[in-house]
Amino acid sequence: MPQILEKRHSVRHHSKGQITLLQPNAKTQQTEGELINYSEQGIRFFSHRPVRPGTTVIVRVSGEHYRNLPAGSNCQLRSMGFCTVKWCQEGTHQGLPIHEMGAVYVLPY
């Protein structure tokens, strides 16, 4: 798998949990995936279905995410919010083909 160029300026927190991506204007409106890590800026996850970079989706996250945060950390995983997919790469997970993706949070105005 190609190396990923680091562009986040904040600390990543590794975590696991199921995520659901909602794409109201797509043929397949819902995509299931699994969280890899998150930061104040965005999330990294994988799914068996790709999402095209530049696509803005609604993300719902479930699971246990805050166990290993350092004391005093202001970073929290958003349980629901808008994200824009920035990159998507093919890979494998437990011998199965997957699509690993990174997305940034869309900040409210």
Protein backbone atom coordinates (compact mmCIF):
# COMPACT_ATOMS: atom_id res chain seq x y z
CA MET A 1 0.00 0.00 0.00
CA PRO A 2 1.40 3.47 -0.84
CA GLN A 3 2.62 5.68 1.99
CA ILE A 4 0.14 8.35 3.13
CA LEU A 5 1.45 11.93 3.25
CA GLU A 6 0.75 13.41 6.70
CA LYS A 7 -1.27 16.62 6.42
CA ARG A 8 -2.97 16.84 9.82
CA HIS A 9 -1.56 19.39 12.22
CA SER A 10 -3.11 17.84 15.34
CA VAL A 11 -2.50 14.59 17.20
CA ARG A 12 -4.23 11.43 15.93
CA HIS A 13 -6.04 9.23 18.44
CA HIS A 14 -6.32 5.58 17.44
CA SER A 15 -9.73 4.11 18.03
CA LYS A 16 -12.16 1.49 16.80
CA GLY A 17 -15.82 1.77 16.12
CA GLN A 18 -18.40 1.39 13.43
CA ILE A 19 -19.17 4.35 11.21
CA THR A 20 -22.00 4.99 8.80
CA LEU A 21 -21.59 7.40 5.90
CA LEU A 22 -24.80 8.90 4.57
CA GLN A 23 -24.81 10.24 1.00
CA PRO A 24 -28.29 11.63 0.26
CA ASN A 25 -27.66 12.09 -3.49
CA ALA A 26 -25.97 8.75 -4.21
CA LYS A 27 -27.49 5.50 -5.56
CA THR A 28 -26.20 3.70 -2.47
CA GLN A 29 -27.16 6.19 0.20
CA GLN A 30 -25.53 4.44 3.16
CA THR A 31 -22.00 3.02 3.46
CA GLU A 32 -20.76 1.10 6.52
CA GLY A 33 -17.15 1.29 7.66
CA GLU A 34 -14.76 1.12 10.58
CA LEU A 35 -12.90 3.96 12.26
CA ILE A 36 -9.08 3.81 12.32
CA ASN A 37 -8.21 7.10 14.02
CA TYR A 38 -9.37 10.68 14.52
CA SER A 39 -8.05 14.12 15.35
CA GLU A 40 -9.50 17.59 15.90
CA GLN A 41 -9.43 18.02 12.10
CA GLY A 42 -10.91 14.79 10.79
CA ILE A 43 -11.09 11.01 10.68
CA ARG A 44 -9.44 8.05 8.97
CA PHE A 45 -11.53 4.95 8.28
CA PHE A 46 -12.03 2.05 5.93
CA SER A 47 -14.98 0.57 4.10
CA HIS A 48 -15.60 -2.12 1.52
CA ARG A 49 -17.18 0.53 -0.71
CA PRO A 50 -15.19 3.57 -1.91
CA VAL A 51 -16.32 7.17 -1.53
CA ARG A 52 -14.96 9.57 -4.13
CA PRO A 53 -12.63 12.33 -2.84
CA GLY A 54 -14.44 15.66 -2.72
CA THR A 55 -17.70 14.05 -1.61
CA THR A 56 -19.30 15.59 1.48
CA VAL A 57 -21.06 13.01 3.65
CA ILE A 58 -22.86 12.85 6.97
CA VAL A 59 -20.88 10.61 9.34
CA ARG A 60 -22.36 8.74 12.32
CA VAL A 61 -19.93 7.02 14.70
CA SER A 62 -20.66 4.38 17.33
CA GLY A 63 -18.44 2.52 19.79
CA GLU A 64 -15.99 3.34 22.57
CA HIS A 65 -13.72 6.20 21.54
CA TYR A 66 -12.44 8.15 24.51
CA ARG A 67 -10.57 5.58 26.60
CA ASN A 68 -6.98 6.46 25.66
CA LEU A 69 -7.14 10.26 25.43
CA PRO A 70 -4.45 12.05 27.43
CA ALA A 71 -5.63 14.02 30.46
CA GLY A 72 -6.65 17.54 29.52
CA SER A 73 -7.12 16.73 25.83
CA ASN A 74 -9.69 18.87 24.07
CA CYS A 75 -9.98 16.48 21.14
CA GLN A 76 -13.25 14.60 20.93
CA LEU A 77 -14.58 12.43 18.17
CA ARG A 78 -17.77 13.87 16.74
CA SER A 79 -20.51 11.27 17.01
CA MET A 80 -22.29 12.85 14.03
CA GLY A 81 -21.28 15.55 11.58
CA PHE A 82 -20.43 16.56 8.04
CA CYS A 83 -17.09 15.49 6.54
CA THR A 84 -15.49 15.90 3.13
CA VAL A 85 -13.54 12.88 1.87
CA LYS A 86 -10.01 14.02 0.95
CA TRP A 87 -8.44 10.76 -0.24
CA CYS A 88 -9.31 7.12 -0.92
CA GLN A 89 -6.85 4.23 -1.41
CA GLU A 90 -7.37 0.54 -2.07
CA GLY A 91 -5.89 -1.88 0.42
CA THR A 92 -6.63 -5.07 2.35
CA HIS A 93 -7.88 -5.81 5.86
CA GLN A 94 -7.80 -9.37 7.19
CA GLY A 95 -7.22 -10.57 3.63
CA LEU A 96 -10.25 -8.77 2.18
CA PRO A 97 -10.16 -5.80 -0.20
CA ILE A 98 -11.03 -2.47 1.41
CA HIS A 99 -10.93 1.24 0.68
CA GLU A 100 -9.09 3.33 3.26
CA MET A 101 -10.15 6.97 3.37
CA GLY A 102 -9.40 10.23 5.14
CA ALA A 103 -11.95 12.98 5.65
CA VAL A 104 -11.92 16.44 7.22
CA TYR A 105 -14.69 17.88 9.31
CA VAL A 106 -16.76 20.57 7.64
CA LEU A 107 -16.86 23.37 10.18
CA PRO A 108 -20.20 25.06 10.85
CA TYR A 109 -20.46 28.75 9.94
